[in-house]
N, C-alpha and C. Protein backbone atom coordinates (compact mmCIF):
# COMPACT_ATOMS: atom_id res chain seq x y z
N MET A 1 -104.39 13.42 69.48
CA MET A 1 -104.35 11.77 69.24
C MET A 1 -105.58 11.93 70.72
N THR A 2 -106.44 10.61 70.60
CA THR A 2 -107.28 9.96 71.92
C THR A 2 -106.90 9.44 72.37
N SER A 3 -106.71 9.19 73.47
CA SER A 3 -106.38 7.76 74.30
C SER A 3 -106.82 6.85 74.22
N SER A 4 -106.64 5.89 74.73
CA SER A 4 -107.00 4.50 75.15
C SER A 4 -108.54 4.69 75.87
N TYR A 5 -108.23 5.45 76.75
CA TYR A 5 -109.50 5.44 77.55
C TYR A 5 -110.61 6.44 77.06
N GLU A 6 -109.98 7.66 76.28
CA GLU A 6 -111.34 8.65 76.05
C GLU A 6 -111.58 7.51 75.13
N ALA A 7 -111.02 6.66 74.13
CA ALA A 7 -111.70 5.81 72.95
C ALA A 7 -112.85 5.25 73.30
N GLY A 8 -112.27 4.33 74.65
CA GLY A 8 -113.41 3.85 74.96
C GLY A 8 -114.88 4.17 75.83
N LEU A 9 -114.57 5.33 76.22
CA LEU A 9 -115.30 6.52 76.80
C LEU A 9 -116.46 6.60 75.60
N GLN A 10 -116.24 6.60 74.48
CA GLN A 10 -116.65 6.68 73.22
C GLN A 10 -117.81 5.64 73.11
N ARG A 11 -117.59 4.34 73.85
CA ARG A 11 -118.44 3.17 73.06
C ARG A 11 -119.47 2.93 74.43
N VAL A 12 -118.89 3.98 75.12
CA VAL A 12 -119.68 3.53 76.57
C VAL A 12 -120.93 4.78 76.23
N PRO A 13 -122.23 3.97 77.06
CA PRO A 13 -123.63 5.10 76.80
C PRO A 13 -123.13 6.44 77.73
N GLY A 14 -123.89 7.76 77.71
CA GLY A 14 -123.45 8.62 79.08
C GLY A 14 -123.63 7.88 80.36
N GLU A 15 -125.00 7.44 80.45
CA GLU A 15 -124.97 7.20 81.89
C GLU A 15 -124.91 5.91 82.07
N ALA A 16 -123.43 5.17 81.77
CA ALA A 16 -123.30 4.07 82.20
C ALA A 16 -121.68 4.17 81.99
N VAL A 17 -120.99 5.43 82.17
CA VAL A 17 -119.90 5.59 82.67
C VAL A 17 -119.54 5.53 84.10
N ALA A 18 -120.30 5.98 84.43
CA ALA A 18 -119.80 5.96 86.35
C ALA A 18 -120.36 4.91 86.83
N ALA A 19 -120.85 4.03 86.13
CA ALA A 19 -121.47 2.29 86.39
C ALA A 19 -120.06 1.38 86.11
N LEU A 20 -119.60 1.63 84.87
CA LEU A 20 -118.34 1.55 84.44
C LEU A 20 -117.04 1.81 85.11
N GLY A 21 -116.77 2.94 85.68
CA GLY A 21 -115.58 3.17 86.53
C GLY A 21 -115.80 2.48 87.79
N ALA A 22 -116.82 2.34 88.19
CA ALA A 22 -117.02 1.60 89.55
C ALA A 22 -116.33 0.46 89.23
N ARG A 23 -117.00 -0.01 88.40
CA ARG A 23 -116.24 -1.34 88.29
C ARG A 23 -114.98 -1.68 87.59
N PHE A 24 -114.14 -0.98 86.87
CA PHE A 24 -113.15 -0.76 86.87
C PHE A 24 -112.24 -0.29 88.59
N TYR A 25 -112.88 0.46 89.21
CA TYR A 25 -112.20 0.38 90.51
C TYR A 25 -112.16 -0.70 91.43
N GLU A 26 -113.25 -1.39 91.48
CA GLU A 26 -113.56 -2.35 92.33
C GLU A 26 -112.46 -3.34 91.61
N ASP A 27 -112.46 -3.59 90.65
CA ASP A 27 -111.50 -4.46 90.03
C ASP A 27 -110.15 -4.41 90.41
N GLU A 28 -109.67 -2.88 90.48
CA GLU A 28 -108.44 -2.39 91.00
C GLU A 28 -108.03 -3.02 92.04
N ARG A 29 -109.06 -2.61 92.91
CA ARG A 29 -109.02 -3.33 94.68
C ARG A 29 -108.74 -4.91 95.04
N ALA A 30 -109.88 -4.90 93.78
CA ALA A 30 -109.42 -6.90 93.79
C ALA A 30 -107.94 -7.64 93.63
N VAL A 31 -107.43 -7.06 92.36
CA VAL A 31 -106.32 -7.41 91.98
C VAL A 31 -105.16 -6.78 93.39
N LEU A 32 -105.05 -6.02 93.66
CA LEU A 32 -104.47 -5.11 94.97
C LEU A 32 -104.74 -6.41 96.30
N ALA A 33 -105.43 -6.96 96.48
CA ALA A 33 -105.84 -8.07 97.00
C ALA A 33 -105.38 -8.72 96.98
N ASP A 34 -104.72 -9.23 95.57
CA ASP A 34 -104.43 -10.76 95.49
C ASP A 34 -105.39 -11.52 94.89
N ASN A 35 -106.53 -10.73 94.15
CA ASN A 35 -107.74 -11.58 93.80
C ASN A 35 -107.66 -11.75 91.93
N GLU A 36 -108.05 -12.77 91.50
CA GLU A 36 -108.07 -12.53 90.23
C GLU A 36 -108.72 -11.23 89.33
N PRO A 37 -108.17 -10.81 88.18
CA PRO A 37 -109.01 -9.67 87.73
C PRO A 37 -110.30 -10.70 87.16
N ALA A 38 -111.59 -9.62 87.06
CA ALA A 38 -112.33 -9.46 86.70
C ALA A 38 -112.89 -10.01 85.15
N GLN A 39 -113.33 -11.14 84.79
CA GLN A 39 -113.82 -10.82 83.34
C GLN A 39 -115.17 -11.05 83.01
N ALA A 40 -115.24 -10.19 82.24
CA ALA A 40 -116.96 -10.03 81.52
C ALA A 40 -117.32 -10.96 80.46
N ILE A 41 -118.07 -11.69 80.97
CA ILE A 41 -118.36 -12.88 79.74
C ILE A 41 -119.45 -12.21 78.73
N VAL A 42 -118.86 -11.54 77.58
CA VAL A 42 -120.11 -11.46 76.28
C VAL A 42 -121.00 -12.51 75.44
N SER A 43 -120.26 -13.28 75.41
CA SER A 43 -121.12 -14.66 75.09
C SER A 43 -120.78 -15.41 75.37
N SER A 44 -121.74 -16.65 75.60
CA SER A 44 -121.70 -17.70 76.06
C SER A 44 -121.54 -18.84 74.91
N ASP A 45 -121.40 -18.03 73.21
CA ASP A 45 -121.56 -18.82 71.96
C ASP A 45 -119.87 -18.96 71.77
N PRO A 46 -119.15 -20.12 71.94
CA PRO A 46 -117.72 -20.04 71.34
C PRO A 46 -117.11 -19.43 70.04
N SER A 47 -118.43 -19.67 68.84
CA SER A 47 -118.32 -19.59 67.75
C SER A 47 -118.37 -17.90 67.14
N VAL A 48 -118.57 -17.18 68.52
CA VAL A 48 -118.47 -15.36 68.25
C VAL A 48 -116.96 -15.11 68.96
N VAL A 49 -116.70 -14.38 67.38
CA VAL A 49 -115.26 -13.40 67.60
C VAL A 49 -115.15 -12.75 68.64
N ALA A 50 -114.53 -12.74 69.35
CA ALA A 50 -113.89 -11.11 70.43
C ALA A 50 -113.42 -10.28 69.40
N SER A 51 -113.94 -8.61 69.32
CA SER A 51 -113.52 -7.34 68.49
C SER A 51 -113.21 -6.69 69.32
């Protein structure tokens, strides 16, 4: 069985995995410092449905 983390990595190009991990780390640190979690804006078009 594949974990959610592993499934997510399958959707990320290999060269982007380190940068993604850094974003998760920075977000976790920000949340621990009582800041809002980061939200990635995928599209500015409200008619585009998130998948």
